[in-house]
Amino acid sequence: MLADWRKLSGMLMVVLACGLMAAPVRAADDDDEADPALECVGGLSVAHGHTSLALIGVTADAFAKDVYPAETVAELMGGLIGGIDANKKMLRKLQASDELSDEDEAYVDGVLGLYNALEAEAKALIKFTKSKSEADAMAFEKARLAAVAKLNKLLGEEDE
């Protein structure tokens, strides 16, 4: 089981690295009337989603290769979850301002969905590192695929 996870995690990092290089953040054209602050929120949200996904993957790899014990994984993922929670609060505050267009509101909803999926993935990794059970390994993989799907949907690359 753990040997299979090691093979899978190695493949994940190759796929993730390729995805990070191939999926640029789409910025509005110079002549667009877009709000620069909202463009910044969008760009930073996508970048944070990419780096969070990478951190979870690298941490899983380090655990699989006996570099990090479960306690270190829990500490790293706890910090990530705390940062995601802080960003979610700020995004909800932005939504509460009632100054977003319907399109911007939908985008922020997508970012919140991505953040929820990343939190679920991080929590699933913590659970797996503590139990090392096949069921928890599968739950982590399911959460990982859900987070990747949410990111791809946010980028407009794939349907959920």
C-alpha atoms as a PDB file:
ATOM      1  CA  MET A   1       0.000   0.000   0.000  1.00  0.00           C
ATOM      2  CA  LEU A   2       2.654   2.567   0.993  1.00  0.00           C
ATOM      3  CA  ALA A   3       4.857   1.474  -1.920  1.00  0.00           C
ATOM      4  CA  ASP A   4       1.952   2.103  -4.309  1.00  0.00           C
ATOM      5  CA  TRP A   5       1.440   5.529  -2.750  1.00  0.00           C
ATOM      6  CA  ARG A   6       5.131   6.339  -3.294  1.00  0.00           C
ATOM      7  CA  LYS A   7       4.830   5.525  -6.998  1.00  0.00           C
ATOM      8  CA  LEU A   8       1.627   7.542  -7.261  1.00  0.00           C
ATOM      9  CA  SER A   9       3.074  10.508  -5.393  1.00  0.00           C
ATOM     10  CA  GLY A  10       6.090  10.619  -7.697  1.00  0.00           C
ATOM     11  CA  MET A  11       3.813  10.697 -10.723  1.00  0.00           C
ATOM     12  CA  LEU A  12       1.696  13.362  -9.040  1.00  0.00           C
ATOM     13  CA  MET A  13       4.645  15.706  -8.700  1.00  0.00           C
ATOM     14  CA  VAL A  14       5.544  15.359 -12.383  1.00  0.00           C
ATOM     15  CA  VAL A  15       1.949  16.040 -13.422  1.00  0.00           C
ATOM     16  CA  LEU A  16       1.649  18.929 -10.971  1.00  0.00           C
ATOM     17  CA  ALA A  17       4.904  20.509 -12.142  1.00  0.00           C
ATOM     18  CA  CYS A  18       3.780  20.301 -15.755  1.00  0.00           C
ATOM     19  CA  GLY A  19       0.391  21.723 -14.832  1.00  0.00           C
ATOM     20  CA  LEU A  20       1.920  24.655 -12.988  1.00  0.00           C
ATOM     21  CA  MET A  21       4.028  25.540 -16.014  1.00  0.00           C
ATOM     22  CA  ALA A  22       1.216  25.055 -18.513  1.00  0.00           C
ATOM     23  CA  ALA A  23      -1.572  26.924 -16.713  1.00  0.00           C
ATOM     24  CA  PRO A  24      -0.836  30.639 -16.636  1.00  0.00           C
ATOM     25  CA  VAL A  25      -3.111  33.012 -14.792  1.00  0.00           C
ATOM     26  CA  ARG A  26      -5.349  34.794 -17.262  1.00  0.00           C
ATOM     27  CA  ALA A  27      -5.165  38.534 -16.848  1.00  0.00           C
ATOM     28  CA  ALA A  28      -7.568  40.983 -18.412  1.00  0.00           C
ATOM     29  CA  ASP A  29      -6.447  42.844 -21.527  1.00  0.00           C
ATOM     30  CA  ASP A  30      -4.946  46.286 -21.016  1.00  0.00           C
ATOM     31  CA  ASP A  31      -7.999  47.947 -22.550  1.00  0.00           C
ATOM     32  CA  ASP A  32     -10.458  46.101 -20.279  1.00  0.00           C
ATOM     33  CA  GLU A  33     -12.317  48.125 -17.695  1.00  0.00           C
ATOM     34  CA  ALA A  34     -11.660  45.517 -15.024  1.00  0.00           C
ATOM     35  CA  ASP A  35     -11.037  46.570 -11.447  1.00  0.00           C
ATOM     36  CA  PRO A  36      -7.288  46.131 -10.775  1.00  0.00           C
ATOM     37  CA  ALA A  37      -7.991  45.082  -7.167  1.00  0.00           C
ATOM     38  CA  LEU A  38     -10.278  42.281  -8.339  1.00  0.00           C
ATOM     39  CA  GLU A  39      -7.715  41.207 -10.945  1.00  0.00           C
ATOM     40  CA  CYS A  40      -5.171  41.039  -8.130  1.00  0.00           C
ATOM     41  CA  VAL A  41      -7.516  38.948  -5.983  1.00  0.00           C
ATOM     42  CA  GLY A  42      -8.063  36.577  -8.901  1.00  0.00           C
ATOM     43  CA  GLY A  43      -4.382  36.204  -9.731  1.00  0.00           C
ATOM     44  CA  LEU A  44      -3.317  35.738  -6.135  1.00  0.00           C
ATOM     45  CA  SER A  45      -6.111  33.226  -5.521  1.00  0.00           C
ATOM     46  CA  VAL A  46      -5.010  31.049  -8.435  1.00  0.00           C
ATOM     47  CA  ALA A  47      -1.355  31.320  -7.435  1.00  0.00           C
ATOM     48  CA  HIS A  48      -2.207  30.398  -3.839  1.00  0.00           C
ATOM     49  CA  GLY A  49      -4.286  27.463  -5.053  1.00  0.00           C
ATOM     50  CA  HIS A  50      -1.360  26.190  -7.137  1.00  0.00           C
ATOM     51  CA  THR A  51       1.170  26.544  -4.331  1.00  0.00           C
ATOM     52  CA  SER A  52      -1.174  24.990  -1.762  1.00  0.00           C
ATOM     53  CA  LEU A  53      -1.743  22.001  -4.021  1.00  0.00           C
ATOM     54  CA  ALA A  54       2.012  21.699  -4.504  1.00  0.00           C
ATOM     55  CA  LEU A  55       2.721  21.963  -0.768  1.00  0.00           C
ATOM     56  CA  ILE A  56       0.247  19.211   0.012  1.00  0.00           C
ATOM     57  CA  GLY A  57       1.771  16.999  -2.689  1.00  0.00           C
ATOM     58  CA  VAL A  58       5.366  17.606  -1.642  1.00  0.00           C
ATOM     59  CA  THR A  59       4.451  17.001   1.987  1.00  0.00           C
ATOM     60  CA  ALA A  60       2.747  13.727   1.041  1.00  0.00           C
ATOM     61  CA  ASP A  61       5.864  12.727  -0.897  1.00  0.00           C
ATOM     62  CA  ALA A  62       8.095  13.557   2.060  1.00  0.00           C
ATOM     63  CA  PHE A  63       5.927  11.421   4.328  1.00  0.00           C
ATOM     64  CA  ALA A  64       5.899   8.534   1.835  1.00  0.00           C
ATOM     65  CA  LYS A  65       9.713   8.658   1.685  1.00  0.00           C
ATOM     66  CA  ASP A  66      10.038   8.733   5.493  1.00  0.00           C
ATOM     67  CA  VAL A  67      11.419  12.277   5.446  1.00  0.00           C
ATOM     68  CA  TYR A  68       8.563  13.735   7.518  1.00  0.00           C
ATOM     69  CA  PRO A  69       6.851  11.982  10.410  1.00  0.00           C
ATOM     70  CA  ALA A  70       3.082  12.318  10.829  1.00  0.00           C
ATOM     71  CA  GLU A  71       3.567  15.091  13.406  1.00  0.00           C
ATOM     72  CA  THR A  72       5.470  17.277  10.920  1.00  0.00           C
ATOM     73  CA  VAL A  73       2.820  16.660   8.271  1.00  0.00           C
ATOM     74  CA  ALA A  74       0.103  17.704  10.729  1.00  0.00           C
ATOM     75  CA  GLU A  75       2.042  20.851  11.633  1.00  0.00           C
ATOM     76  CA  LEU A  76       2.609  21.869   8.003  1.00  0.00           C
ATOM     77  CA  MET A  77      -0.956  21.130   6.984  1.00  0.00           C
ATOM     78  CA  GLY A  78      -2.286  22.952  10.055  1.00  0.00           C
ATOM     79  CA  GLY A  79      -0.434  26.085   8.969  1.00  0.00           C
ATOM     80  CA  LEU A  80      -1.760  25.750   5.450  1.00  0.00           C
ATOM     81  CA  ILE A  81      -5.328  25.267   6.677  1.00  0.00           C
ATOM     82  CA  GLY A  82      -4.988  28.350   8.892  1.00  0.00           C
ATOM     83  CA  GLY A  83      -3.845  30.447   5.936  1.00  0.00           C
ATOM     84  CA  ILE A  84      -6.656  29.164   3.753  1.00  0.00           C
ATOM     85  CA  ASP A  85      -9.200  29.937   6.485  1.00  0.00           C
ATOM     86  CA  ALA A  86      -7.876  33.512   6.717  1.00  0.00           C
ATOM     87  CA  ASN A  87      -8.205  33.952   2.950  1.00  0.00           C
ATOM     88  CA  LYS A  88     -11.726  32.525   2.985  1.00  0.00           C
ATOM     89  CA  LYS A  89     -12.758  35.077   5.616  1.00  0.00           C
ATOM     90  CA  MET A  90     -11.376  37.913   3.490  1.00  0.00           C
ATOM     91  CA  LEU A  91     -13.161  36.622   0.387  1.00  0.00           C
ATOM     92  CA  ARG A  92     -16.448  36.338   2.279  1.00  0.00           C
ATOM     93  CA  LYS A  93     -15.983  39.916   3.484  1.00  0.00           C
ATOM     94  CA  LEU A  94     -15.486  40.969  -0.147  1.00  0.00           C
ATOM     95  CA  GLN A  95     -18.691  39.154  -1.102  1.00  0.00           C
ATOM     96  CA  ALA A  96     -20.565  40.848   1.749  1.00  0.00           C
ATOM     97  CA  SER A  97     -19.605  44.258   0.359  1.00  0.00           C
ATOM     98  CA  ASP A  98     -22.221  43.771  -2.396  1.00  0.00           C
ATOM     99  CA  GLU A  99     -19.870  45.509  -4.840  1.00  0.00           C
ATOM    100  CA  LEU A 100     -19.172  42.462  -7.002  1.00  0.00           C
ATOM    101  CA  SER A 101     -20.729  41.804 -10.378  1.00  0.00           C
ATOM    102  CA  ASP A 102     -22.498  38.481 -10.835  1.00  0.00           C
ATOM    103  CA  GLU A 103     -19.458  37.207 -12.758  1.00  0.00           C
ATOM    104  CA  ASP A 104     -17.057  38.274 -10.008  1.00  0.00           C
ATOM    105  CA  GLU A 105     -19.351  36.762  -7.373  1.00  0.00           C
ATOM    106  CA  ALA A 106     -19.307  33.444  -9.249  1.00  0.00           C
ATOM    107  CA  TYR A 107     -15.501  33.568  -9.491  1.00  0.00           C
ATOM    108  CA  VAL A 108     -15.142  34.192  -5.744  1.00  0.00           C
ATOM    109  CA  ASP A 109     -17.527  31.282  -5.128  1.00  0.00           C
ATOM    110  CA  GLY A 110     -15.194  29.155  -7.273  1.00  0.00           C
ATOM    111  CA  VAL A 111     -12.164  30.254  -5.253  1.00  0.00           C
ATOM    112  CA  LEU A 112     -13.994  29.422  -2.024  1.00  0.00           C
ATOM    113  CA  GLY A 113     -14.837  26.005  -3.465  1.00  0.00           C
ATOM    114  CA  LEU A 114     -11.178  25.470  -4.329  1.00  0.00           C
ATOM    115  CA  TYR A 115     -10.131  26.491  -0.827  1.00  0.00           C
ATOM    116  CA  ASN A 116     -12.669  24.089   0.697  1.00  0.00           C
ATOM    117  CA  ALA A 117     -11.311  21.277  -1.481  1.00  0.00           C
ATOM    118  CA  LEU A 118      -7.710  22.099  -0.530  1.00  0.00           C
ATOM    119  CA  GLU A 119      -8.623  22.069   3.162  1.00  0.00           C
ATOM    120  CA  ALA A 120     -10.317  18.696   2.725  1.00  0.00           C
ATOM    121  CA  GLU A 121      -7.200  17.374   0.967  1.00  0.00           C
ATOM    122  CA  ALA A 122      -4.896  18.652   3.710  1.00  0.00           C
ATOM    123  CA  LYS A 123      -7.109  17.126   6.414  1.00  0.00           C
ATOM    124  CA  ALA A 124      -7.251  13.830   4.513  1.00  0.00           C
ATOM    125  CA  LEU A 125      -3.444  13.791   4.355  1.00  0.00           C
ATOM    126  CA  ILE A 126      -3.212  14.352   8.103  1.00  0.00           C
ATOM    127  CA  LYS A 127      -5.651  11.512   8.713  1.00  0.00           C
ATOM    128  CA  PHE A 128      -3.771   9.168   6.374  1.00  0.00           C
ATOM    129  CA  THR A 129      -0.385   9.906   7.953  1.00  0.00           C
ATOM    130  CA  LYS A 130      -1.776   9.021  11.364  1.00  0.00           C
ATOM    131  CA  SER A 131      -3.556   5.824  10.330  1.00  0.00           C
ATOM    132  CA  LYS A 132      -1.609   4.648   7.249  1.00  0.00           C
ATOM    133  CA  SER A 133      -4.755   2.756   6.301  1.00  0.00           C
ATOM    134  CA  GLU A 134      -5.721   1.876   2.756  1.00  0.00           C
ATOM    135  CA  ALA A 135      -9.122   3.536   3.218  1.00  0.00           C
ATOM    136  CA  ASP A 136      -7.509   6.804   4.320  1.00  0.00           C
ATOM    137  CA  ALA A 137      -5.025   6.630   1.439  1.00  0.00           C
ATOM    138  CA  MET A 138      -7.942   6.309  -0.968  1.00  0.00           C
ATOM    139  CA  ALA A 139      -9.790   9.157   0.745  1.00  0.00           C
ATOM    140  CA  PHE A 140      -6.701  11.352   0.360  1.00  0.00           C
ATOM    141  CA  GLU A 141      -6.462  10.485  -3.337  1.00  0.00           C
ATOM    142  CA  LYS A 142     -10.151  11.286  -3.812  1.00  0.00           C
ATOM    143  CA  ALA A 143      -9.677  14.646  -2.053  1.00  0.00           C
ATOM    144  CA  ARG A 144      -6.591  15.379  -4.168  1.00  0.00           C
ATOM    145  CA  LEU A 145      -8.474  14.723  -7.403  1.00  0.00           C
ATOM    146  CA  ALA A 146     -11.340  16.930  -6.205  1.00  0.00           C
ATOM    147  CA  ALA A 147      -8.940  19.794  -5.471  1.00  0.00           C
ATOM    148  CA  VAL A 148      -7.285  19.448  -8.891  1.00  0.00           C
ATOM    149  CA  ALA A 149     -10.729  19.462 -10.541  1.00  0.00           C
ATOM    150  CA  LYS A 150     -11.728  22.637  -8.650  1.00  0.00           C
ATOM    151  CA  LEU A 151      -8.511  24.371  -9.710  1.00  0.00           C
ATOM    152  CA  ASN A 152      -8.978  23.306 -13.323  1.00  0.00           C
ATOM    153  CA  LYS A 153     -12.574  24.535 -13.269  1.00  0.00           C
ATOM    154  CA  LEU A 154     -11.468  27.881 -11.850  1.00  0.00           C
ATOM    155  CA  LEU A 155      -8.941  28.170 -14.680  1.00  0.00           C
ATOM    156  CA  GLY A 156     -11.635  27.284 -17.189  1.00  0.00           C
ATOM    157  CA  GLU A 157      -9.663  24.250 -18.321  1.00  0.00           C
ATOM    158  CA  GLU A 158     -11.997  21.424 -17.441  1.00  0.00           C
ATOM    159  CA  ASP A 159     -15.533  20.769 -16.328  1.00  0.00           C
ATOM    160  CA  GLU A 160     -15.984  19.494 -12.797  1.00  0.00           C
END
